[in-house]
PDB file of N, CA and C in Angstrom:
ATOM      1  N   MET A   1     -98.241 -64.041 -69.250  1.00  0.00           N
ATOM      2  CA  MET A   1     -98.060 -65.439 -69.567  1.00  0.00           C
ATOM      3  C   MET A   1     -96.840 -65.958 -68.812  1.00  0.00           C
ATOM      4  N   THR A   2     -96.952 -67.213 -68.311  1.00  0.00           N
ATOM      5  CA  THR A   2     -95.891 -67.801 -67.506  1.00  0.00           C
ATOM      6  C   THR A   2     -95.106 -68.786 -68.357  1.00  0.00           C
ATOM      7  N   VAL A   3     -93.832 -68.761 -68.188  1.00  0.00           N
ATOM      8  CA  VAL A   3     -92.967 -69.699 -68.897  1.00  0.00           C
ATOM      9  C   VAL A   3     -92.862 -70.951 -68.034  1.00  0.00           C
ATOM     10  N   VAL A   4     -93.094 -72.137 -68.650  1.00  0.00           N
ATOM     11  CA  VAL A   4     -93.057 -73.414 -67.928  1.00  0.00           C
ATOM     12  C   VAL A   4     -91.876 -74.220 -68.445  1.00  0.00           C
ATOM     13  N   ASN A   5     -91.061 -74.669 -67.527  1.00  0.00           N
ATOM     14  CA  ASN A   5     -89.944 -75.532 -67.909  1.00  0.00           C
ATOM     15  C   ASN A   5     -90.519 -76.930 -68.122  1.00  0.00           C
ATOM     16  N   LEU A   6     -90.549 -77.381 -69.360  1.00  0.00           N
ATOM     17  CA  LEU A   6     -91.161 -78.667 -69.697  1.00  0.00           C
ATOM     18  C   LEU A   6     -90.428 -79.844 -69.054  1.00  0.00           C
ATOM     19  N   ASN A   7     -89.136 -79.721 -68.895  1.00  0.00           N
ATOM     20  CA  ASN A   7     -88.362 -80.796 -68.283  1.00  0.00           C
ATOM     21  C   ASN A   7     -88.774 -80.974 -66.818  1.00  0.00           C
ATOM     22  N   LYS A   8     -88.929 -79.868 -66.085  1.00  0.00           N
ATOM     23  CA  LYS A   8     -89.347 -79.940 -64.685  1.00  0.00           C
ATOM     24  C   LYS A   8     -90.776 -80.463 -64.561  1.00  0.00           C
ATOM     25  N   ALA A   9     -91.640 -80.056 -65.488  1.00  0.00           N
ATOM     26  CA  ALA A   9     -93.026 -80.513 -65.460  1.00  0.00           C
ATOM     27  C   ALA A   9     -93.091 -82.027 -65.710  1.00  0.00           C
ATOM     28  N   ARG A  10     -92.283 -82.496 -66.656  1.00  0.00           N
ATOM     29  CA  ARG A  10     -92.251 -83.933 -66.972  1.00  0.00           C
ATOM     30  C   ARG A  10     -91.755 -84.722 -65.759  1.00  0.00           C
ATOM     31  N   LYS A  11     -90.682 -84.239 -65.134  1.00  0.00           N
ATOM     32  CA  LYS A  11     -90.127 -84.935 -63.975  1.00  0.00           C
ATOM     33  C   LYS A  11     -91.106 -84.947 -62.800  1.00  0.00           C
ATOM     34  N   ALA A  12     -91.810 -83.850 -62.602  1.00  0.00           N
ATOM     35  CA  ALA A  12     -92.800 -83.793 -61.522  1.00  0.00           C
ATOM     36  C   ALA A  12     -93.927 -84.777 -61.773  1.00  0.00           C
ATOM     37  N   ARG A  13     -94.363 -84.881 -63.027  1.00  0.00           N
ATOM     38  CA  ARG A  13     -95.428 -85.827 -63.393  1.00  0.00           C
ATOM     39  C   ARG A  13     -94.954 -87.268 -63.166  1.00  0.00           C
ATOM     40  N   GLU A  14     -93.704 -87.570 -63.524  1.00  0.00           N
ATOM     41  CA  GLU A  14     -93.155 -88.920 -63.329  1.00  0.00           C
ATOM     42  C   GLU A  14     -93.014 -89.255 -61.850  1.00  0.00           C
ATOM     43  N   ARG A  15     -92.600 -88.263 -61.029  1.00  0.00           N
ATOM     44  CA  ARG A  15     -92.496 -88.492 -59.583  1.00  0.00           C
ATOM     45  C   ARG A  15     -93.867 -88.803 -58.982  1.00  0.00           C
ATOM     46  N   ALA A  16     -94.876 -88.093 -59.419  1.00  0.00           N
ATOM     47  CA  ALA A  16     -96.229 -88.325 -58.906  1.00  0.00           C
ATOM     48  C   ALA A  16     -96.714 -89.725 -59.294  1.00  0.00           C
ATOM     49  N   ALA A  17     -96.426 -90.130 -60.538  1.00  0.00           N
ATOM     50  CA  ALA A  17     -96.827 -91.465 -60.992  1.00  0.00           C
ATOM     51  C   ALA A  17     -96.088 -92.538 -60.187  1.00  0.00           C
ATOM     52  N   GLU A  18     -94.808 -92.310 -59.916  1.00  0.00           N
ATOM     53  CA  GLU A  18     -94.015 -93.268 -59.143  1.00  0.00           C
ATOM     54  C   GLU A  18     -94.532 -93.373 -57.713  1.00  0.00           C
ATOM     55  N   LYS A  19     -94.927 -92.263 -57.117  1.00  0.00           N
ATOM     56  CA  LYS A  19     -95.488 -92.297 -55.769  1.00  0.00           C
ATOM     57  C   LYS A  19     -96.785 -93.093 -55.739  1.00  0.00           C
ATOM     58  N   THR A  20     -97.607 -92.926 -56.767  1.00  0.00           N
ATOM     59  CA  THR A  20     -98.873 -93.659 -56.851  1.00  0.00           C
ATOM     60  C   THR A  20     -98.606 -95.160 -56.974  1.00  0.00           C
ATOM     61  N   ARG A  21     -97.630 -95.514 -57.823  1.00  0.00           N
ATOM     62  CA  ARG A  21     -97.287 -96.923 -58.019  1.00  0.00           C
ATOM     63  C   ARG A  21     -96.695 -97.510 -56.734  1.00  0.00           C
ATOM     64  N   ALA A  22     -95.873 -96.744 -56.044  1.00  0.00           N
ATOM     65  CA  ALA A  22     -95.265 -97.203 -54.795  1.00  0.00           C
ATOM     66  C   ALA A  22     -96.331 -97.435 -53.727  1.00  0.00           C
ATOM     67  N   ALA A  23     -97.322 -96.566 -53.674  1.00  0.00           N
ATOM     68  CA  ALA A  23     -98.404 -96.737 -52.697  1.00  0.00           C
ATOM     69  C   ALA A  23     -99.160 -98.038 -52.968  1.00  0.00           C
ATOM     70  N   GLY A  24     -99.411 -98.311 -54.240  1.00  0.00           N
ATOM     71  CA  GLY A  24    -100.079 -99.566 -54.604  1.00  0.00           C
ATOM     72  C   GLY A  24     -99.243-100.771 -54.233  1.00  0.00           C
ATOM     73  N   ASN A  25     -97.945-100.697 -54.446  1.00  0.00           N
ATOM     74  CA  ASN A  25     -97.053-101.808 -54.085  1.00  0.00           C
ATOM     75  C   ASN A  25     -96.982-102.011 -52.581  1.00  0.00           C
ATOM     76  N   ARG A  26     -97.016-100.909 -51.817  1.00  0.00           N
ATOM     77  CA  ARG A  26     -97.001-101.045 -50.360  1.00  0.00           C
ATOM     78  C   ARG A  26     -98.232-101.796 -49.879  1.00  0.00           C
ATOM     79  N   VAL A  27     -99.355-101.527 -50.505  1.00  0.00           N
ATOM     80  CA  VAL A  27    -100.585-102.229 -50.130  1.00  0.00           C
ATOM     81  C   VAL A  27    -100.489-103.702 -50.519  1.00  0.00           C
ATOM     82  N   ALA A  28     -99.995-103.956 -51.728  1.00  0.00           N
ATOM     83  CA  ALA A  28     -99.958-105.328 -52.232  1.00  0.00           C
ATOM     84  C   ALA A  28     -98.867-106.172 -51.573  1.00  0.00           C
ATOM     85  N   PHE A  29     -97.693-105.601 -51.347  1.00  0.00           N
ATOM     86  CA  PHE A  29     -96.554-106.399 -50.898  1.00  0.00           C
ATOM     87  C   PHE A  29     -96.009-105.997 -49.538  1.00  0.00           C
ATOM     88  N   GLY A  30     -96.491-104.939 -48.967  1.00  0.00           N
ATOM     89  CA  GLY A  30     -95.906-104.415 -47.742  1.00  0.00           C
ATOM     90  C   GLY A  30     -96.431-105.070 -46.496  1.00  0.00           C
ATOM     91  N   ARG A  31     -95.883-106.226 -46.145  1.00  0.00           N
ATOM     92  CA  ARG A  31     -96.262-106.882 -44.896  1.00  0.00           C
ATOM     93  C   ARG A  31     -95.026-106.959 -44.008  1.00  0.00           C
ATOM     94  N   THR A  32     -95.235-106.923 -42.723  1.00  0.00           N
ATOM     95  CA  THR A  32     -94.127-107.042 -41.793  1.00  0.00           C
ATOM     96  C   THR A  32     -93.680-108.495 -41.717  1.00  0.00           C
ATOM     97  N   LYS A  33     -92.509-108.723 -41.125  1.00  0.00           N
ATOM     98  CA  LYS A  33     -92.020-110.100 -40.978  1.00  0.00           C
ATOM     99  C   LYS A  33     -92.980-110.926 -40.122  1.00  0.00           C
ATOM    100  N   ALA A  34     -93.542-110.303 -39.103  1.00  0.00           N
ATOM    101  CA  ALA A  34     -94.481-111.012 -38.235  1.00  0.00           C
ATOM    102  C   ALA A  34     -95.728-111.426 -39.013  1.00  0.00           C
ATOM    103  N   GLU A  35     -96.223-110.520 -39.845  1.00  0.00           N
ATOM    104  CA  GLU A  35     -97.411-110.847 -40.646  1.00  0.00           C
ATOM    105  C   GLU A  35     -97.093-111.965 -41.635  1.00  0.00           C
ATOM    106  N   LYS A  36     -95.905-111.887 -42.260  1.00  0.00           N
ATOM    107  CA  LYS A  36     -95.504-112.939 -43.201  1.00  0.00           C
ATOM    108  C   LYS A  36     -95.370-114.281 -42.487  1.00  0.00           C
ATOM    109  N   ALA A  37     -94.750-114.279 -41.300  1.00  0.00           N
ATOM    110  CA  ALA A  37     -94.568-115.513 -40.537  1.00  0.00           C
ATOM    111  C   ALA A  37     -95.909-116.095 -40.121  1.00  0.00           C
ATOM    112  N   LYS A  38     -96.813-115.228 -39.692  1.00  0.00           N
ATOM    113  CA  LYS A  38     -98.145-115.690 -39.278  1.00  0.00           C
ATOM    114  C   LYS A  38     -98.889-116.312 -40.460  1.00  0.00           C
ATOM    115  N   ALA A  39     -98.822-115.667 -41.621  1.00  0.00           N
ATOM    116  CA  ALA A  39     -99.489-116.187 -42.812  1.00  0.00           C
ATOM    117  C   ALA A  39     -98.859-117.504 -43.252  1.00  0.00           C
ATOM    118  N   GLU A  40     -97.532-117.595 -43.162  1.00  0.00           N
ATOM    119  CA  GLU A  40     -96.848-118.823 -43.542  1.00  0.00           C
ATOM    120  C   GLU A  40     -97.215-119.966 -42.600  1.00  0.00           C
ATOM    121  N   LYS A  41     -97.299-119.649 -41.307  1.00  0.00           N
ATOM    122  CA  LYS A  41     -97.672-120.670 -40.316  1.00  0.00           C
ATOM    123  C   LYS A  41     -99.099-121.155 -40.556  1.00  0.00           C
ATOM    124  N   ALA A  42    -100.002-120.223 -40.872  1.00  0.00           N
ATOM    125  CA  ALA A  42    -101.393-120.595 -41.149  1.00  0.00           C
ATOM    126  C   ALA A  42    -101.479-121.466 -42.402  1.00  0.00           C
ATOM    127  N   ALA A  43    -100.688-121.121 -43.428  1.00  0.00           N
ATOM    128  CA  ALA A  43    -100.694-121.908 -44.658  1.00  0.00           C
ATOM    129  C   ALA A  43    -100.156-123.314 -44.401  1.00  0.00           C
ATOM    130  N   ALA A  44     -99.108-123.412 -43.579  1.00  0.00           N
ATOM    131  CA  ALA A  44     -98.542-124.716 -43.257  1.00  0.00           C
ATOM    132  C   ALA A  44     -99.543-125.565 -42.470  1.00  0.00           C
ATOM    133  N   ALA A  45    -100.251-124.935 -41.536  1.00  0.00           N
ATOM    134  CA  ALA A  45    -101.252-125.663 -40.753  1.00  0.00           C
ATOM    135  C   ALA A  45    -102.389-126.141 -41.653  1.00  0.00           C
ATOM    136  N   LYS A  46    -102.786-125.289 -42.588  1.00  0.00           N
ATOM    137  CA  LYS A  46    -103.857-125.658 -43.517  1.00  0.00           C
ATOM    138  C   LYS A  46    -103.414-126.833 -44.396  1.00  0.00           C
ATOM    139  N   ALA A  47    -102.163-126.798 -44.869  1.00  0.00           N
ATOM    140  CA  ALA A  47    -101.647-127.880 -45.703  1.00  0.00           C
ATOM    141  C   ALA A  47    -101.552-129.176 -44.908  1.00  0.00           C
ATOM    142  N   ALA A  48    -101.127-129.081 -43.652  1.00  0.00           N
ATOM    143  CA  ALA A  48    -101.023-130.271 -42.809  1.00  0.00           C
ATOM    144  C   ALA A  48    -102.407-130.878 -42.556  1.00  0.00           C
ATOM    145  N   ALA A  49    -103.393-130.018 -42.324  1.00  0.00           N
ATOM    146  CA  ALA A  49    -104.754-130.512 -42.095  1.00  0.00           C
ATOM    147  C   ALA A  49    -105.299-131.190 -43.354  1.00  0.00           C
ATOM    148  N   ALA A  50    -105.012-130.605 -44.506  1.00  0.00           N
ATOM    149  CA  ALA A  50    -105.470-131.201 -45.761  1.00  0.00           C
ATOM    150  C   ALA A  50    -104.800-132.547 -45.990  1.00  0.00           C
ATOM    151  N   GLU A  51    -103.500-132.645 -45.683  1.00  0.00           N
ATOM    152  CA  GLU A  51    -102.774-133.902 -45.846  1.00  0.00           C
ATOM    153  C   GLU A  51    -103.313-134.963 -44.888  1.00  0.00           C
ATOM    154  N   LYS A  52    -103.612-134.556 -43.662  1.00  0.00           N
ATOM    155  CA  LYS A  52    -104.158-135.492 -42.670  1.00  0.00           C
ATOM    156  C   LYS A  52    -105.527-136.002 -43.119  1.00  0.00           C
ATOM    157  N   GLU A  53    -106.347-135.094 -43.640  1.00  0.00           N
ATOM    158  CA  GLU A  53    -107.675-135.480 -44.130  1.00  0.00           C
ATOM    159  C   GLU A  53    -107.556-136.426 -45.313  1.00  0.00           C
ATOM    160  N   LYS A  54    -106.589-136.153 -46.189  1.00  0.00           N
ATOM    161  CA  LYS A  54    -106.375-137.002 -47.363  1.00  0.00           C
ATOM    162  C   LYS A  54    -105.942-138.405 -46.927  1.00  0.00           C
ATOM    163  N   ALA A  55    -105.049-138.464 -45.926  1.00  0.00           N
ATOM    164  CA  ALA A  55    -104.587-139.758 -45.424  1.00  0.00           C
ATOM    165  C   ALA A  55    -105.735-140.515 -44.764  1.00  0.00           C
ATOM    166  N   ALA A  56    -106.571-139.802 -44.021  1.00  0.00           N
ATOM    167  CA  ALA A  56    -107.714-140.451 -43.373  1.00  0.00           C
ATOM    168  C   ALA A  56    -108.685-141.001 -44.410  1.00  0.00           C
ATOM    169  N   ALA A  57    -108.906-140.254 -45.478  1.00  0.00           N
ATOM    170  CA  ALA A  57    -109.805-140.714 -46.541  1.00  0.00           C
ATOM    171  C   ALA A  57    -109.228-141.940 -47.232  1.00  0.00           C
ATOM    172  N   ALA A  58    -107.913-141.942 -47.444  1.00  0.00           N
ATOM    173  CA  ALA A  58    -107.270-143.091 -48.088  1.00  0.00           C
ATOM    174  C   ALA A  58    -107.376-144.320 -47.190  1.00  0.00           C
ATOM    175  N   THR A  59    -107.169-144.131 -45.897  1.00  0.00           N
ATOM    176  CA  THR A  59    -107.263-145.242 -44.949  1.00  0.00           C
ATOM    177  C   THR A  59    -108.684-145.798 -44.927  1.00  0.00           C
ATOM    178  N   LYS A  60    -109.658-144.902 -44.946  1.00  0.00           N
ATOM    179  CA  LYS A  60    -111.061-145.338 -44.945  1.00  0.00           C
ATOM    180  C   LYS A  60    -111.359-146.131 -46.221  1.00  0.00           C
ATOM    181  N   ALA A  61    -110.861-145.661 -47.357  1.00  0.00           N
ATOM    182  CA  ALA A  61    -111.084-146.361 -48.619  1.00  0.00           C
ATOM    183  C   ALA A  61    -110.424-147.741 -48.594  1.00  0.00           C
ATOM    184  N   GLU A  62    -109.226-147.815 -48.000  1.00  0.00           N
ATOM    185  CA  GLU A  62    -108.541-149.106 -47.898  1.00  0.00           C
ATOM    186  C   GLU A  62    -109.336-150.074 -47.022  1.00  0.00           C
ATOM    187  N   ARG A  63    -109.870-149.576 -45.904  1.00  0.00           N
ATOM    188  CA  ARG A  63    -110.678-150.438 -45.020  1.00  0.00           C
ATOM    189  C   ARG A  63    -111.925-150.930 -45.746  1.00  0.00           C
ATOM    190  N   GLU A  64    -112.569-150.040 -46.491  1.00  0.00           N
ATOM    191  CA  GLU A  64    -113.776-150.432 -47.228  1.00  0.00           C
ATOM    192  C   GLU A  64    -113.450-151.463 -48.290  1.00  0.00           C
ATOM    193  N   ALA A  65    -112.305-151.281 -48.973  1.00  0.00           N
ATOM    194  CA  ALA A  65    -111.903-152.246 -50.000  1.00  0.00           C
ATOM    195  C   ALA A  65    -111.610-153.602 -49.365  1.00  0.00           C
ATOM    196  N   ALA A  66    -110.932-153.597 -48.230  1.00  0.00           N
ATOM    197  CA  ALA A  66    -110.633-154.854 -47.541  1.00  0.00           C
ATOM    198  C   ALA A  66    -111.917-155.529 -47.075  1.00  0.00           C
ATOM    199  N   SER A  67    -112.863-154.752 -46.594  1.00  0.00           N
ATOM    200  CA  SER A  67    -114.138-155.290 -46.149  1.00  0.00           C
ATOM    201  C   SER A  67    -114.895-155.910 -47.319  1.00  0.00           C
ATOM    202  N   ALA A  68    -114.859-155.243 -48.465  1.00  0.00           N
ATOM    203  CA  ALA A  68    -115.540-155.771 -49.647  1.00  0.00           C
ATOM    204  C   ALA A  68    -114.897-157.084 -50.107  1.00  0.00           C
ATOM    205  N   GLU A  69    -113.557-157.147 -50.059  1.00  0.00           N
ATOM    206  CA  GLU A  69    -112.857-158.377 -50.448  1.00  0.00           C
ATOM    207  C   GLU A  69    -113.205-159.512 -49.492  1.00  0.00           C
ATOM    208  N   LYS A  70    -113.268-159.204 -48.206  1.00  0.00           N
ATOM    209  CA  LYS A  70    -113.610-160.225 -47.208  1.00  0.00           C
ATOM    210  C   LYS A  70    -115.033-160.724 -47.437  1.00  0.00           C
ATOM    211  N   ALA A  71    -115.950-159.803 -47.760  1.00  0.00           N
ATOM    212  CA  ALA A  71    -117.330-160.197 -48.009  1.00  0.00           C
ATOM    213  C   ALA A  71    -117.401-161.118 -49.233  1.00  0.00           C
ATOM    214  N   LYS A  72    -116.634-160.821 -50.274  1.00  0.00           N
ATOM    215  CA  LYS A  72    -116.605-161.678 -51.473  1.00  0.00           C
ATOM    216  C   LYS A  72    -116.055-163.059 -51.124  1.00  0.00           C
ATOM    217  N   ALA A  73    -114.985-163.076 -50.335  1.00  0.00           N
ATOM    218  CA  ALA A  73    -114.377-164.358 -49.946  1.00  0.00           C
ATOM    219  C   ALA A  73    -115.355-165.162 -49.092  1.00  0.00           C
ATOM    220  N   ASP A  74    -116.052-164.515 -48.174  1.00  0.00           N
ATOM    221  CA  ASP A  74    -117.037-165.204 -47.340  1.00  0.00           C
ATOM    222  C   ASP A  74    -118.168-165.769 -48.188  1.00  0.00           C
ATOM    223  N   ALA A  75    -118.624-164.982 -49.166  1.00  0.00           N
ATOM    224  CA  ALA A  75    -119.702-165.441 -50.043  1.00  0.00           C
ATOM    225  C   ALA A  75    -119.251-166.637 -50.874  1.00  0.00           C
ATOM    226  N   ALA A  76    -118.015-166.581 -51.348  1.00  0.00           N
ATOM    227  CA  ALA A  76    -117.493-167.704 -52.144  1.00  0.00           C
ATOM    228  C   ALA A  76    -117.363-168.958 -51.276  1.00  0.00           C
ATOM    229  N   ALA A  77    -116.882-168.783 -50.040  1.00  0.00           N
ATOM    230  CA  ALA A  77    -116.736-169.928 -49.135  1.00  0.00           C
ATOM    231  C   ALA A  77    -118.104-170.521 -48.800  1.00  0.00           C
ATOM    232  N   LYS A  78    -119.105-169.675 -48.590  1.00  0.00           N
ATOM    233  CA  LYS A  78    -120.452-170.149 -48.283  1.00  0.00           C
ATOM    234  C   LYS A  78    -121.030-170.922 -49.468  1.00  0.00           C
ATOM    235  N   ALA A  79    -120.822-170.394 -50.668  1.00  0.00           N
ATOM    236  CA  ALA A  79    -121.319-171.075 -51.867  1.00  0.00           C
ATOM    237  C   ALA A  79    -120.648-172.437 -52.018  1.00  0.00           C
ATOM    238  N   GLU A  80    -119.357-172.491 -51.689  1.00  0.00           N
ATOM    239  CA  GLU A  80    -118.635-173.752 -51.770  1.00  0.00           C
ATOM    240  C   GLU A  80    -119.162-174.766 -50.756  1.00  0.00           C
ATOM    241  N   ARG A  81    -119.424-174.279 -49.529  1.00  0.00           N
ATOM    242  CA  ARG A  81    -119.976-175.174 -48.491  1.00  0.00           C
ATOM    243  C   ARG A  81    -121.366-175.665 -48.892  1.00  0.00           C
ATOM    244  N   ASP A  82    -122.184-174.755 -49.424  1.00  0.00           N
ATOM    245  CA  ASP A  82    -123.534-175.137 -49.856  1.00  0.00           C
ATOM    246  C   ASP A  82    -123.479-176.169 -50.968  1.00  0.00           C
ATOM    247  N   ALA A  83    -122.552-175.979 -51.884  1.00  0.00           N
ATOM    248  CA  ALA A  83    -122.404-176.942 -52.980  1.00  0.00           C
ATOM    249  C   ALA A  83    -121.962-178.307 -52.455  1.00  0.00           C
ATOM    250  N   ALA A  84    -121.044-178.291 -51.486  1.00  0.00           N
ATOM    251  CA  ALA A  84    -120.576-179.550 -50.893  1.00  0.00           C
ATOM    252  C   ALA A  84    -121.718-180.230 -50.123  1.00  0.00           C
ATOM    253  N   ALA A  85    -122.516-179.449 -49.414  1.00  0.00           N
ATOM    254  CA  ALA A  85    -123.647-180.008 -48.654  1.00  0.00           C
ATOM    255  C   ALA A  85    -124.683-180.578 -49.616  1.00  0.00           C
ATOM    256  N   ALA A  86    -124.929-179.905 -50.719  1.00  0.00           N
ATOM    257  CA  ALA A  86    -125.894-180.407 -51.696  1.00  0.00           C
ATOM    258  C   ALA A  86    -125.385-181.681 -52.331  1.00  0.00           C
ATOM    259  N   GLU A  87    -124.075-181.769 -52.533  1.00  0.00           N
ATOM    260  CA  GLU A  87    -123.467-182.967 -53.127  1.00  0.00           C
ATOM    261  C   GLU A  87    -123.594-184.155 -52.162  1.00  0.00           C
ATOM    262  N   LYS A  88    -123.418-183.903 -50.864  1.00  0.00           N
ATOM    263  CA  LYS A  88    -123.551-184.959 -49.852  1.00  0.00           C
ATOM    264  C   LYS A  88    -124.991-185.419 -49.748  1.00  0.00           C
ATOM    265  N   ALA A  89    -125.926-184.504 -49.917  1.00  0.00           N
ATOM    266  CA  ALA A  89    -127.346-184.834 -49.773  1.00  0.00           C
ATOM    267  C   ALA A  89    -127.805-185.737 -50.888  1.00  0.00           C
ATOM    268  N   LYS A  90    -127.133-185.762 -52.003  1.00  0.00           N
ATOM    269  CA  LYS A  90    -127.557-186.619 -53.126  1.00  0.00           C
ATOM    270  C   LYS A  90    -127.293-188.035 -52.886  1.00  0.00           C
TER     271      LYS A  90
END
C-alpha cells in the first residue's frame, strides 16, 4: 500500500483546475493588440455606417414630410382658386 500526501494531491488537483481555467481564459480573452485594434476599427466603421444610414433615412423622411406639406398647401390653394372662380361665375 502506498502512502499519499493529501496536501500534495489537493495542490496538484488545484493546479490542474487552474490550468484548465487559464486555457479557457486565453481562448476567451487572449487577443493580440493588432487583433484588438482591427476589431475596434471594424466596430467603429460599422457604427459610422449605421449612423450614416440613420442620417440618410432621417433626411429622406424630412424630404417626404416637406413634399406632403407642399402637396397639402397646393391642394388648399387650388381649392381656394376654384372657390374664387365659382364665385366670379355667379
